[in-house]
PDB file of all heavy atoms in Angstrom:
ATOM      1  N   ASP A   1      -5.287   3.098  -2.069  1.00  0.00           N
ATOM      2  CA  ASP A   1      -5.034   3.985  -3.212  1.00  0.00           C
ATOM      3  C   ASP A   1      -4.147   3.312  -4.252  1.00  0.00           C
ATOM      4  O   ASP A   1      -4.414   3.403  -5.453  1.00  0.00           O
ATOM      5  CB  ASP A   1      -4.380   5.283  -2.740  1.00  0.00           C
ATOM      6  CG  ASP A   1      -5.337   6.168  -1.955  1.00  0.00           C
ATOM      7  OD1 ASP A   1      -6.561   5.950  -2.064  1.00  0.00           O
ATOM      8  OD2 ASP A   1      -4.858   7.063  -1.234  1.00  0.00           O
ATOM      9  N   SER A   2      -3.089   2.644  -3.810  1.00  0.00           N
ATOM     10  CA  SER A   2      -2.188   1.981  -4.754  1.00  0.00           C
ATOM     11  C   SER A   2      -2.882   0.788  -5.407  1.00  0.00           C
ATOM     12  O   SER A   2      -2.682   0.516  -6.600  1.00  0.00           O
ATOM     13  CB  SER A   2      -0.898   1.538  -4.056  1.00  0.00           C
ATOM     14  OG  SER A   2      -1.174   0.693  -2.957  1.00  0.00           O
ATOM     15  N   TYR A   3      -3.711   0.092  -4.647  1.00  0.00           N
ATOM     16  CA  TYR A   3      -4.472  -1.034  -5.206  1.00  0.00           C
ATOM     17  C   TYR A   3      -5.406  -0.541  -6.307  1.00  0.00           C
ATOM     18  O   TYR A   3      -5.470  -1.113  -7.400  1.00  0.00           O
ATOM     19  CB  TYR A   3      -5.264  -1.719  -4.092  1.00  0.00           C
ATOM     20  CG  TYR A   3      -6.174  -2.823  -4.579  1.00  0.00           C
ATOM     21  CD1 TYR A   3      -5.706  -4.117  -4.731  1.00  0.00           C
ATOM     22  CD2 TYR A   3      -7.512  -2.560  -4.899  1.00  0.00           C
ATOM     23  CE1 TYR A   3      -6.540  -5.137  -5.183  1.00  0.00           C
ATOM     24  CE2 TYR A   3      -8.339  -3.567  -5.341  1.00  0.00           C
ATOM     25  CZ  TYR A   3      -7.854  -4.850  -5.484  1.00  0.00           C
ATOM     26  OH  TYR A   3      -8.673  -5.846  -5.938  1.00  0.00           O
ATOM     27  N   LYS A   4      -6.126   0.547  -6.048  1.00  0.00           N
ATOM     28  CA  LYS A   4      -7.050   1.101  -7.036  1.00  0.00           C
ATOM     29  C   LYS A   4      -6.299   1.546  -8.291  1.00  0.00           C
ATOM     30  O   LYS A   4      -6.761   1.313  -9.415  1.00  0.00           O
ATOM     31  CB  LYS A   4      -7.813   2.281  -6.439  1.00  0.00           C
ATOM     32  CG  LYS A   4      -8.822   2.915  -7.389  1.00  0.00           C
ATOM     33  CD  LYS A   4      -9.553   4.067  -6.722  1.00  0.00           C
ATOM     34  CE  LYS A   4     -10.609   4.648  -7.676  1.00  0.00           C
ATOM     35  NZ  LYS A   4     -10.028   5.151  -8.924  1.00  0.00           N
ATOM     36  N   ALA A   5      -5.130   2.179  -8.090  1.00  0.00           N
ATOM     37  CA  ALA A   5      -4.337   2.626  -9.241  1.00  0.00           C
ATOM     38  C   ALA A   5      -3.901   1.438 -10.092  1.00  0.00           C
ATOM     39  O   ALA A   5      -3.939   1.498 -11.329  1.00  0.00           O
ATOM     40  CB  ALA A   5      -3.116   3.409  -8.756  1.00  0.00           C
ATOM     41  N   ALA A   6      -3.509   0.350  -9.431  1.00  0.00           N
ATOM     42  CA  ALA A   6      -3.074  -0.843 -10.167  1.00  0.00           C
ATOM     43  C   ALA A   6      -4.224  -1.438 -10.967  1.00  0.00           C
ATOM     44  O   ALA A   6      -4.052  -1.819 -12.134  1.00  0.00           O
ATOM     45  CB  ALA A   6      -2.508  -1.876  -9.193  1.00  0.00           C
ATOM     46  N   VAL A   7      -5.406  -1.519 -10.365  1.00  0.00           N
ATOM     47  CA  VAL A   7      -6.566  -2.060 -11.072  1.00  0.00           C
ATOM     48  C   VAL A   7      -6.924  -1.175 -12.270  1.00  0.00           C
ATOM     49  O   VAL A   7      -7.243  -1.674 -13.357  1.00  0.00           O
ATOM     50  CB  VAL A   7      -7.772  -2.207 -10.114  1.00  0.00           C
ATOM     51  CG1 VAL A   7      -9.043  -2.552 -10.893  1.00  0.00           C
ATOM     52  CG2 VAL A   7      -7.493  -3.271  -9.068  1.00  0.00           C
ATOM     53  N   ASP A   8      -6.839   0.136 -12.093  1.00  0.00           N
ATOM     54  CA  ASP A   8      -7.109   1.058 -13.204  1.00  0.00           C
ATOM     55  C   ASP A   8      -6.126   0.831 -14.348  1.00  0.00           C
ATOM     56  O   ASP A   8      -6.519   0.819 -15.521  1.00  0.00           O
ATOM     57  CB  ASP A   8      -7.025   2.507 -12.727  1.00  0.00           C
ATOM     58  CG  ASP A   8      -8.204   2.912 -11.848  1.00  0.00           C
ATOM     59  OD1 ASP A   8      -9.213   2.171 -11.837  1.00  0.00           O
ATOM     60  OD2 ASP A   8      -8.104   3.940 -11.153  1.00  0.00           O
ATOM     61  N   PHE A   9      -4.844   0.652 -14.015  1.00  0.00           N
ATOM     62  CA  PHE A   9      -3.824   0.379 -15.035  1.00  0.00           C
ATOM     63  C   PHE A   9      -4.160  -0.903 -15.783  1.00  0.00           C
ATOM     64  O   PHE A   9      -4.065  -0.972 -17.010  1.00  0.00           O
ATOM     65  CB  PHE A   9      -2.442   0.265 -14.382  1.00  0.00           C
ATOM     66  CG  PHE A   9      -1.685   1.561 -14.296  1.00  0.00           C
ATOM     67  CD1 PHE A   9      -2.256   2.683 -13.745  1.00  0.00           C
ATOM     68  CD2 PHE A   9      -0.386   1.647 -14.757  1.00  0.00           C
ATOM     69  CE1 PHE A   9      -1.557   3.878 -13.659  1.00  0.00           C
ATOM     70  CE2 PHE A   9       0.319   2.827 -14.694  1.00  0.00           C
ATOM     71  CZ  PHE A   9      -0.269   3.956 -14.135  1.00  0.00           C
ATOM     72  N   LEU A  10      -4.527  -1.936 -15.037  1.00  0.00           N
ATOM     73  CA  LEU A  10      -4.841  -3.232 -15.655  1.00  0.00           C
ATOM     74  C   LEU A  10      -6.030  -3.112 -16.603  1.00  0.00           C
ATOM     75  O   LEU A  10      -6.017  -3.667 -17.709  1.00  0.00           O
ATOM     76  CB  LEU A  10      -5.136  -4.269 -14.571  1.00  0.00           C
ATOM     77  CG  LEU A  10      -3.942  -4.696 -13.712  1.00  0.00           C
ATOM     78  CD1 LEU A  10      -4.412  -5.466 -12.483  1.00  0.00           C
ATOM     79  CD2 LEU A  10      -2.959  -5.536 -14.516  1.00  0.00           C
ATOM     80  N   ARG A  11      -7.034  -2.374 -16.179  1.00  0.00           N
ATOM     81  CA  ARG A  11      -8.216  -2.197 -17.028  1.00  0.00           C
ATOM     82  C   ARG A  11      -7.901  -1.409 -18.291  1.00  0.00           C
ATOM     83  O   ARG A  11      -8.595  -1.554 -19.300  1.00  0.00           O
ATOM     84  CB  ARG A  11      -9.323  -1.510 -16.229  1.00  0.00           C
ATOM     85  CG  ARG A  11      -9.987  -2.445 -15.211  1.00  0.00           C
ATOM     86  CD  ARG A  11     -10.968  -1.701 -14.341  1.00  0.00           C
ATOM     87  NE  ARG A  11     -11.752  -2.632 -13.523  1.00  0.00           N
ATOM     88  CZ  ARG A  11     -12.438  -2.273 -12.447  1.00  0.00           C
ATOM     89  NH1 ARG A  11     -12.445  -1.009 -12.040  1.00  0.00           N
ATOM     90  NH2 ARG A  11     -13.133  -3.174 -11.772  1.00  0.00           N
ATOM     91  N   ARG A  12      -6.865  -0.589 -18.229  1.00  0.00           N
ATOM     92  CA  ARG A  12      -6.455   0.172 -19.411  1.00  0.00           C
ATOM     93  C   ARG A  12      -5.510  -0.635 -20.304  1.00  0.00           C
ATOM     94  O   ARG A  12      -4.995  -0.118 -21.281  1.00  0.00           O
ATOM     95  CB  ARG A  12      -5.775   1.485 -18.992  1.00  0.00           C
ATOM     96  CG  ARG A  12      -6.696   2.449 -18.265  1.00  0.00           C
ATOM     97  CD  ARG A  12      -6.207   3.880 -18.357  1.00  0.00           C
ATOM     98  NE  ARG A  12      -4.873   4.065 -17.821  1.00  0.00           N
ATOM     99  CZ  ARG A  12      -4.612   4.438 -16.562  1.00  0.00           C
ATOM    100  NH1 ARG A  12      -5.611   4.620 -15.708  1.00  0.00           N
ATOM    101  NH2 ARG A  12      -3.376   4.617 -16.160  1.00  0.00           N
ATOM    102  N   GLY A  13      -5.268  -1.900 -19.934  1.00  0.00           N
ATOM    103  CA  GLY A  13      -4.456  -2.762 -20.780  1.00  0.00           C
ATOM    104  C   GLY A  13      -2.982  -2.784 -20.467  1.00  0.00           C
ATOM    105  O   GLY A  13      -2.174  -3.215 -21.287  1.00  0.00           O
ATOM    106  N   GLU A  14      -2.599  -2.342 -19.264  1.00  0.00           N
ATOM    107  CA  GLU A  14      -1.188  -2.303 -18.879  1.00  0.00           C
ATOM    108  C   GLU A  14      -0.765  -3.622 -18.225  1.00  0.00           C
ATOM    109  O   GLU A  14      -1.588  -4.379 -17.703  1.00  0.00           O
ATOM    110  CB  GLU A  14      -0.937  -1.163 -17.892  1.00  0.00           C
ATOM    111  CG  GLU A  14      -1.202   0.232 -18.437  1.00  0.00           C
ATOM    112  CD  GLU A  14      -0.023   0.790 -19.209  1.00  0.00           C
ATOM    113  OE1 GLU A  14       0.943   0.042 -19.469  1.00  0.00           O
ATOM    114  OE2 GLU A  14      -0.065   1.980 -19.552  1.00  0.00           O
ATOM    115  N   LEU A  15       0.548  -3.861 -18.233  1.00  0.00           N
ATOM    116  CA  LEU A  15       1.153  -4.947 -17.461  1.00  0.00           C
ATOM    117  C   LEU A  15       1.594  -4.363 -16.126  1.00  0.00           C
ATOM    118  O   LEU A  15       2.344  -3.390 -16.096  1.00  0.00           O
ATOM    119  CB  LEU A  15       2.364  -5.532 -18.195  1.00  0.00           C
ATOM    120  CG  LEU A  15       2.128  -6.089 -19.595  1.00  0.00           C
ATOM    121  CD1 LEU A  15       3.457  -6.537 -20.208  1.00  0.00           C
ATOM    122  CD2 LEU A  15       1.136  -7.246 -19.568  1.00  0.00           C
ATOM    123  N   VAL A  16       1.134  -4.941 -15.029  1.00  0.00           N
ATOM    124  CA  VAL A  16       1.467  -4.429 -13.700  1.00  0.00           C
ATOM    125  C   VAL A  16       2.298  -5.466 -12.948  1.00  0.00           C
ATOM    126  O   VAL A  16       1.849  -6.602 -12.746  1.00  0.00           O
ATOM    127  CB  VAL A  16       0.193  -4.077 -12.895  1.00  0.00           C
ATOM    128  CG1 VAL A  16       0.558  -3.681 -11.465  1.00  0.00           C
ATOM    129  CG2 VAL A  16      -0.566  -2.942 -13.579  1.00  0.00           C
ATOM    130  N   GLY A  17       3.505  -5.076 -12.550  1.00  0.00           N
ATOM    131  CA  GLY A  17       4.407  -5.970 -11.838  1.00  0.00           C
ATOM    132  C   GLY A  17       4.162  -5.944 -10.338  1.00  0.00           C
ATOM    133  O   GLY A  17       4.141  -4.871  -9.729  1.00  0.00           O
ATOM    134  N   VAL A  18       3.981  -7.118  -9.752  1.00  0.00           N
ATOM    135  CA  VAL A  18       3.653  -7.244  -8.333  1.00  0.00           C
ATOM    136  C   VAL A  18       4.553  -8.292  -7.688  1.00  0.00           C
ATOM    137  O   VAL A  18       4.859  -9.326  -8.301  1.00  0.00           O
ATOM    138  CB  VAL A  18       2.176  -7.675  -8.155  1.00  0.00           C
ATOM    139  CG1 VAL A  18       1.828  -7.844  -6.689  1.00  0.00           C
ATOM    140  CG2 VAL A  18       1.239  -6.673  -8.806  1.00  0.00           C
ATOM    141  N   TYR A  19       4.953  -8.026  -6.440  1.00  0.00           N
ATOM    142  CA  TYR A  19       5.690  -9.014  -5.651  1.00  0.00           C
ATOM    143  C   TYR A  19       4.735  -9.575  -4.596  1.00  0.00           C
ATOM    144  O   TYR A  19       4.524  -8.950  -3.555  1.00  0.00           O
ATOM    145  CB  TYR A  19       6.899  -8.379  -4.963  1.00  0.00           C
ATOM    146  CG  TYR A  19       7.995  -7.993  -5.906  1.00  0.00           C
ATOM    147  CD1 TYR A  19       8.182  -6.667  -6.286  1.00  0.00           C
ATOM    148  CD2 TYR A  19       8.846  -8.955  -6.437  1.00  0.00           C
ATOM    149  CE1 TYR A  19       9.187  -6.313  -7.166  1.00  0.00           C
ATOM    150  CE2 TYR A  19       9.864  -8.606  -7.320  1.00  0.00           C
ATOM    151  CZ  TYR A  19      10.023  -7.283  -7.676  1.00  0.00           C
ATOM    152  OH  TYR A  19      11.016  -6.931  -8.553  1.00  0.00           O
ATOM    153  N   PRO A  20       4.145 -10.751  -4.831  1.00  0.00           N
ATOM    154  CA  PRO A  20       3.174 -11.292  -3.872  1.00  0.00           C
ATOM    155  C   PRO A  20       3.761 -11.548  -2.485  1.00  0.00           C
ATOM    156  O   PRO A  20       3.021 -11.594  -1.505  1.00  0.00           O
ATOM    157  CB  PRO A  20       2.727 -12.608  -4.526  1.00  0.00           C
ATOM    158  CG  PRO A  20       3.024 -12.438  -5.979  1.00  0.00           C
ATOM    159  CD  PRO A  20       4.266 -11.600  -6.030  1.00  0.00           C
ATOM    160  N   GLU A  21       5.091 -11.727  -2.401  1.00  0.00           N
ATOM    161  CA  GLU A  21       5.719 -11.956  -1.099  1.00  0.00           C
ATOM    162  C   GLU A  21       5.827 -10.672  -0.285  1.00  0.00           C
ATOM    163  O   GLU A  21       6.073 -10.726   0.924  1.00  0.00           O
ATOM    164  CB  GLU A  21       7.112 -12.556  -1.283  1.00  0.00           C
ATOM    165  CG  GLU A  21       7.114 -13.922  -1.949  1.00  0.00           C
ATOM    166  CD  GLU A  21       8.487 -14.315  -2.464  1.00  0.00           C
ATOM    167  OE1 GLU A  21       8.932 -13.733  -3.485  1.00  0.00           O
ATOM    168  OE2 GLU A  21       9.112 -15.201  -1.854  1.00  0.00           O
ATOM    169  N   ALA A  22       5.730  -9.525  -0.969  1.00  0.00           N
ATOM    170  CA  ALA A  22       5.772  -8.186  -0.348  1.00  0.00           C
ATOM    171  C   ALA A  22       7.181  -7.759   0.080  1.00  0.00           C
ATOM    172  O   ALA A  22       7.522  -6.589  -0.004  1.00  0.00           O
ATOM    173  CB  ALA A  22       4.809  -8.079   0.829  1.00  0.00           C
ATOM    174  N   THR A  23       7.993  -8.688   0.545  1.00  0.00           N
ATOM    175  CA  THR A  23       9.363  -8.359   0.961  1.00  0.00           C
ATOM    176  C   THR A  23      10.340  -9.384   0.379  1.00  0.00           C
ATOM    177  O   THR A  23       9.931 -10.462  -0.061  1.00  0.00           O
ATOM    178  CB  THR A  23       9.507  -8.358   2.491  1.00  0.00           C
ATOM    179  OG1 THR A  23       9.181  -9.668   2.991  1.00  0.00           O
ATOM    180  CG2 THR A  23       8.589  -7.341   3.137  1.00  0.00           C
ATOM    181  N   ILE A  24      11.613  -9.028   0.415  1.00  0.00           N
ATOM    182  CA  ILE A  24      12.651  -9.938  -0.063  1.00  0.00           C
ATOM    183  C   ILE A  24      12.675 -11.200   0.796  1.00  0.00           C
ATOM    184  O   ILE A  24      12.609 -11.137   2.027  1.00  0.00           O
ATOM    185  CB  ILE A  24      14.029  -9.247  -0.031  1.00  0.00           C
ATOM    186  CG1 ILE A  24      14.107  -8.184  -1.134  1.00  0.00           C
ATOM    187  CG2 ILE A  24      15.174 -10.253  -0.186  1.00  0.00           C
ATOM    188  CD1 ILE A  24      15.384  -7.361  -1.093  1.00  0.00           C
ATOM    189  N   SER A  25      12.782 -12.332   0.142  1.00  0.00           N
ATOM    190  CA  SER A  25      12.876 -13.607   0.850  1.00  0.00           C
ATOM    191  C   SER A  25      14.330 -13.872   1.234  1.00  0.00           C
ATOM    192  O   SER A  25      15.172 -14.109   0.376  1.00  0.00           O
ATOM    193  CB  SER A  25      12.366 -14.754  -0.034  1.00  0.00           C
ATOM    194  OG  SER A  25      12.615 -15.999   0.578  1.00  0.00           O
ATOM    195  N   ARG A  26      14.635 -13.826   2.517  1.00  0.00           N
ATOM    196  CA  ARG A  26      16.015 -14.059   2.970  1.00  0.00           C
ATOM    197  C   ARG A  26      16.428 -15.509   2.794  1.00  0.00           C
ATOM    198  O   ARG A  26      17.621 -15.820   2.742  1.00  0.00           O
ATOM    199  CB  ARG A  26      16.147 -13.691   4.451  1.00  0.00           C
ATOM    200  CG  ARG A  26      15.862 -12.247   4.783  1.00  0.00           C
ATOM    201  CD  ARG A  26      16.219 -12.028   6.243  1.00  0.00           C
ATOM    202  NE  ARG A  26      15.444 -10.978   6.844  1.00  0.00           N
ATOM    203  CZ  ARG A  26      15.969 -10.001   7.584  1.00  0.00           C
ATOM    204  NH1 ARG A  26      17.271  -9.961   7.783  1.00  0.00           N
ATOM    205  NH2 ARG A  26      15.211  -9.093   8.134  1.00  0.00           N
ATOM    206  N   SER A  27      15.459 -16.398   2.717  1.00  0.00           N
ATOM    207  CA  SER A  27      15.775 -17.814   2.533  1.00  0.00           C
ATOM    208  C   SER A  27      15.950 -18.136   1.052  1.00  0.00           C
ATOM    209  O   SER A  27      16.455 -19.206   0.701  1.00  0.00           O
ATOM    210  CB  SER A  27      14.658 -18.695   3.109  1.00  0.00           C
ATOM    211  OG  SER A  27      13.477 -18.565   2.333  1.00  0.00           O
ATOM    212  N   PHE A  28      15.492 -17.209   0.192  1.00  0.00           N
ATOM    213  CA  PHE A  28      15.489 -17.365  -1.264  1.00  0.00           C
ATOM    214  C   PHE A  28      14.513 -18.445  -1.719  1.00  0.00           C
ATOM    215  O   PHE A  28      14.498 -18.811  -2.889  1.00  0.00           O
ATOM    216  CB  PHE A  28      16.902 -17.608  -1.812  1.00  0.00           C
ATOM    217  CG  PHE A  28      17.897 -16.616  -1.283  1.00  0.00           C
ATOM    218  CD1 PHE A  28      19.019 -17.035  -0.574  1.00  0.00           C
ATOM    219  CD2 PHE A  28      17.695 -15.263  -1.451  1.00  0.00           C
ATOM    220  CE1 PHE A  28      19.919 -16.118  -0.054  1.00  0.00           C
ATOM    221  CE2 PHE A  28      18.592 -14.328  -0.930  1.00  0.00           C
ATOM    222  CZ  PHE A  28      19.710 -14.756  -0.231  1.00  0.00           C
ATOM    223  N   GLU A  29      13.687 -18.917  -0.769  1.00  0.00           N
ATOM    224  CA  GLU A  29      12.564 -19.781  -1.097  1.00  0.00           C
ATOM    225  C   GLU A  29      11.345 -18.874  -1.308  1.00  0.00           C
ATOM    226  O   GLU A  29      11.375 -17.686  -0.975  1.00  0.00           O
ATOM    227  CB  GLU A  29      12.281 -20.768   0.042  1.00  0.00           C
ATOM    228  CG  GLU A  29      13.464 -21.608   0.478  1.00  0.00           C
ATOM    229  CD  GLU A  29      13.755 -22.784  -0.460  1.00  0.00           C
ATOM    230  OE1 GLU A  29      13.175 -22.822  -1.571  1.00  0.00           O
ATOM    231  OE2 GLU A  29      14.559 -23.654  -0.077  1.00  0.00           O
ATOM    232  N   ILE A  30      10.255 -19.430  -1.838  1.00  0.00           N
ATOM    233  CA  ILE A  30       9.041 -18.652  -2.023  1.00  0.00           C
ATOM    234  C   ILE A  30       8.334 -18.487  -0.676  1.00  0.00           C
ATOM    235  O   ILE A  30       7.941 -19.467  -0.042  1.00  0.00           O
ATOM    236  CB  ILE A  30       8.082 -19.333  -3.020  1.00  0.00           C
ATOM    237  CG1 ILE A  30       8.767 -19.550  -4.380  1.00  0.00           C
ATOM    238  CG2 ILE A  30       6.814 -18.512  -3.180  1.00  0.00           C
ATOM    239  CD1 ILE A  30       8.999 -18.322  -5.198  1.00  0.00           C
ATOM    240  N   LYS A  31       8.193 -17.233  -0.238  1.00  0.00           N
ATOM    241  CA  LYS A  31       7.508 -16.952   1.012  1.00  0.00           C
ATOM    242  C   LYS A  31       5.994 -17.070   0.846  1.00  0.00           C
ATOM    243  O   LYS A  31       5.486 -17.246  -0.267  1.00  0.00           O
ATOM    244  CB  LYS A  31       7.828 -15.509   1.467  1.00  0.00           C
ATOM    245  CG  LYS A  31       9.233 -15.284   1.956  1.00  0.00           C
ATOM    246  CD  LYS A  31       9.560 -13.804   2.098  1.00  0.00           C
ATOM    247  CE  LYS A  31       8.618 -13.057   2.994  1.00  0.00           C
ATOM    248  NZ  LYS A  31       8.801 -13.408   4.427  1.00  0.00           N
ATOM    249  N   GLU A  32       5.283 -16.935   1.964  1.00  0.00           N
ATOM    250  CA  GLU A  32       3.827 -16.865   1.911  1.00  0.00           C
ATOM    251  C   GLU A  32       3.409 -15.644   1.093  1.00  0.00           C
ATOM    252  O   GLU A  32       4.061 -14.599   1.142  1.00  0.00           O
ATOM    253  CB  GLU A  32       3.266 -16.767   3.332  1.00  0.00           C
ATOM    254  CG  GLU A  32       1.752 -16.748   3.405  1.00  0.00           C
ATOM    255  CD  GLU A  32       1.243 -16.663   4.832  1.00  0.00           C
ATOM    256  OE1 GLU A  32       2.057 -16.776   5.768  1.00  0.00           O
ATOM    257  OE2 GLU A  32       0.022 -16.482   4.999  1.00  0.00           O
ATOM    258  N   PHE A  33       2.322 -15.786   0.319  1.00  0.00           N
ATOM    259  CA  PHE A  33       1.867 -14.703  -0.549  1.00  0.00           C
ATOM    260  C   PHE A  33       0.774 -13.868   0.107  1.00  0.00           C
ATOM    261  O   PHE A  33      -0.089 -14.386   0.821  1.00  0.00           O
ATOM    262  CB  PHE A  33       1.295 -15.270  -1.856  1.00  0.00           C
ATOM    263  CG  PHE A  33       2.331 -15.675  -2.869  1.00  0.00           C
ATOM    264  CD1 PHE A  33       3.689 -15.555  -2.607  1.00  0.00           C
ATOM    265  CD2 PHE A  33       1.940 -16.177  -4.104  1.00  0.00           C
ATOM    266  CE1 PHE A  33       4.634 -15.934  -3.545  1.00  0.00           C
ATOM    267  CE2 PHE A  33       2.871 -16.556  -5.053  1.00  0.00           C
ATOM    268  CZ  PHE A  33       4.231 -16.431  -4.776  1.00  0.00           C
ATOM    269  N   LYS A  34       0.792 -12.565  -0.190  1.00  0.00           N
ATOM    270  CA  LYS A  34      -0.352 -11.708   0.068  1.00  0.00           C
ATOM    271  C   LYS A  34      -1.367 -11.956  -1.052  1.00  0.00           C
ATOM    272  O   LYS A  34      -1.029 -12.450  -2.126  1.00  0.00           O
ATOM    273  CB  LYS A  34       0.070 -10.238   0.089  1.00  0.00           C
ATOM    274  CG  LYS A  34       1.197  -9.910   1.058  1.00  0.00           C
ATOM    275  CD  LYS A  34       0.766 -10.081   2.497  1.00  0.00           C
ATOM    276  CE  LYS A  34       1.869  -9.619   3.440  1.00  0.00           C
ATOM    277  NZ  LYS A  34       1.514  -9.820   4.864  1.00  0.00           N
ATOM    278  N   SER A  35      -2.604 -11.557  -0.845  1.00  0.00           N
ATOM    279  CA  SER A  35      -3.657 -11.849  -1.816  1.00  0.00           C
ATOM    280  C   SER A  35      -3.866 -10.752  -2.851  1.00  0.00           C
ATOM    281  O   SER A  35      -4.720 -10.886  -3.739  1.00  0.00           O
ATOM    282  CB  SER A  35      -4.981 -12.103  -1.083  1.00  0.00           C
ATOM    283  OG  SER A  35      -5.413 -10.918  -0.407  1.00  0.00           O
ATOM    284  N   GLY A  36      -3.085  -9.667  -2.763  1.00  0.00           N
ATOM    285  CA  GLY A  36      -3.312  -8.521  -3.637  1.00  0.00           C
ATOM    286  C   GLY A  36      -3.271  -8.838  -5.118  1.00  0.00           C
ATOM    287  O   GLY A  36      -4.117  -8.363  -5.888  1.00  0.00           O
ATOM    288  N   ALA A  37      -2.290  -9.634  -5.548  1.00  0.00           N
ATOM    289  CA  ALA A  37      -2.161  -9.961  -6.974  1.00  0.00           C
ATOM    290  C   ALA A  37      -3.413 -10.669  -7.475  1.00  0.00           C
ATOM    291  O   ALA A  37      -3.943 -10.355  -8.558  1.00  0.00           O
ATOM    292  CB  ALA A  37      -0.931 -10.830  -7.206  1.00  0.00           C
ATOM    293  N   ALA A  38      -3.915 -11.613  -6.691  1.00  0.00           N
ATOM    294  CA  ALA A  38      -5.117 -12.349  -7.082  1.00  0.00           C
ATOM    295  C   ALA A  38      -6.333 -11.439  -7.107  1.00  0.00           C
ATOM    296  O   ALA A  38      -7.144 -11.484  -8.046  1.00  0.00           O
ATOM    297  CB  ALA A  38      -5.347 -13.525  -6.121  1.00  0.00           C
ATOM    298  N   ARG A  39      -6.480 -10.597  -6.081  1.00  0.00           N
ATOM    299  CA  ARG A  39      -7.646  -9.718  -6.019  1.00  0.00           C
ATOM    300  C   ARG A  39      -7.658  -8.731  -7.184  1.00  0.00           C
ATOM    301  O   ARG A  39      -8.719  -8.443  -7.761  1.00  0.00           O
ATOM    302  CB  ARG A  39      -7.678  -8.994  -4.680  1.00  0.00           C
ATOM    303  CG  ARG A  39      -8.008  -9.910  -3.513  1.00  0.00           C
ATOM    304  CD  ARG A  39      -8.183  -9.180  -2.198  1.00  0.00           C
ATOM    305  NE  ARG A  39      -6.939  -8.628  -1.690  1.00  0.00           N
ATOM    306  CZ  ARG A  39      -6.635  -7.343  -1.642  1.00  0.00           C
ATOM    307  NH1 ARG A  39      -7.511  -6.443  -2.084  1.00  0.00           N
ATOM    308  NH2 ARG A  39      -5.491  -6.929  -1.148  1.00  0.00           N
ATOM    309  N   MET A  40      -6.476  -8.210  -7.557  1.00  0.00           N
ATOM    310  CA  MET A  40      -6.388  -7.301  -8.713  1.00  0.00           C
ATOM    311  C   MET A  40      -6.825  -7.996  -9.993  1.00  0.00           C
ATOM    312  O   MET A  40      -7.571  -7.438 -10.803  1.00  0.00           O
ATOM    313  CB  MET A  40      -4.935  -6.857  -8.918  1.00  0.00           C
ATOM    314  CG  MET A  40      -4.417  -5.853  -7.987  1.00  0.00           C
ATOM    315  SD  MET A  40      -2.669  -5.606  -8.345  1.00  0.00           S
ATOM    316  CE  MET A  40      -2.192  -5.003  -6.751  1.00  0.00           C
ATOM    317  N   ALA A  41      -6.303  -9.202 -10.197  1.00  0.00           N
ATOM    318  CA  ALA A  41      -6.622  -9.949 -11.412  1.00  0.00           C
ATOM    319  C   ALA A  41      -8.115 -10.213 -11.511  1.00  0.00           C
ATOM    320  O   ALA A  41      -8.718 -10.077 -12.587  1.00  0.00           O
ATOM    321  CB  ALA A  41      -5.841 -11.255 -11.443  1.00  0.00           C
ATOM    322  N   ILE A  42      -8.729 -10.587 -10.385  1.00  0.00           N
ATOM    323  CA  ILE A  42     -10.163 -10.866 -10.368  1.00  0.00           C
ATOM    324  C   ILE A  42     -10.962  -9.598 -10.666  1.00  0.00           C
ATOM    325  O   ILE A  42     -11.869  -9.592 -11.507  1.00  0.00           O
ATOM    326  CB  ILE A  42     -10.581 -11.464  -9.011  1.00  0.00           C
ATOM    327  CG1 ILE A  42      -9.976 -12.862  -8.835  1.00  0.00           C
ATOM    328  CG2 ILE A  42     -12.101 -11.510  -8.883  1.00  0.00           C
ATOM    329  CD1 ILE A  42     -10.081 -13.412  -7.419  1.00  0.00           C
ATOM    330  N   GLU A  43     -10.603  -8.499  -9.999  1.00  0.00           N
ATOM    331  CA  GLU A  43     -11.365  -7.257 -10.167  1.00  0.00           C
ATOM    332  C   GLU A  43     -11.223  -6.689 -11.576  1.00  0.00           C
ATOM    333  O   GLU A  43     -12.192  -6.167 -12.144  1.00  0.00           O
ATOM    334  CB  GLU A  43     -10.926  -6.223  -9.133  1.00  0.00           C
ATOM    335  CG  GLU A  43     -11.796  -4.985  -9.120  1.00  0.00           C
ATOM    336  CD  GLU A  43     -11.563  -4.107  -7.899  1.00  0.00           C
ATOM    337  OE1 GLU A  43     -11.028  -4.604  -6.891  1.00  0.00           O
ATOM    338  OE2 GLU A  43     -11.934  -2.916  -7.975  1.00  0.00           O
ATOM    339  N   ALA A  44     -10.021  -6.769 -12.145  1.00  0.00           N
ATOM    340  CA  ALA A  44      -9.792  -6.227 -13.488  1.00  0.00           C
ATOM    341  C   ALA A  44     -10.096  -7.244 -14.583  1.00  0.00           C
ATOM    342  O   ALA A  44     -10.071  -6.904 -15.770  1.00  0.00           O
ATOM    343  CB  ALA A  44      -8.347  -5.745 -13.612  1.00  0.00           C
TER     344      ALA A  44
END
């Protein structure tokens, strides 16, 4: 549901802020990314 809402926002011309790491990085290095940001960009 949240993914669909984000794609709808993007298609309407909005800027959607996403954290690809999903959680705070305790090491303060870049953690492994989830694919949601990429999939949204492709779909929209």
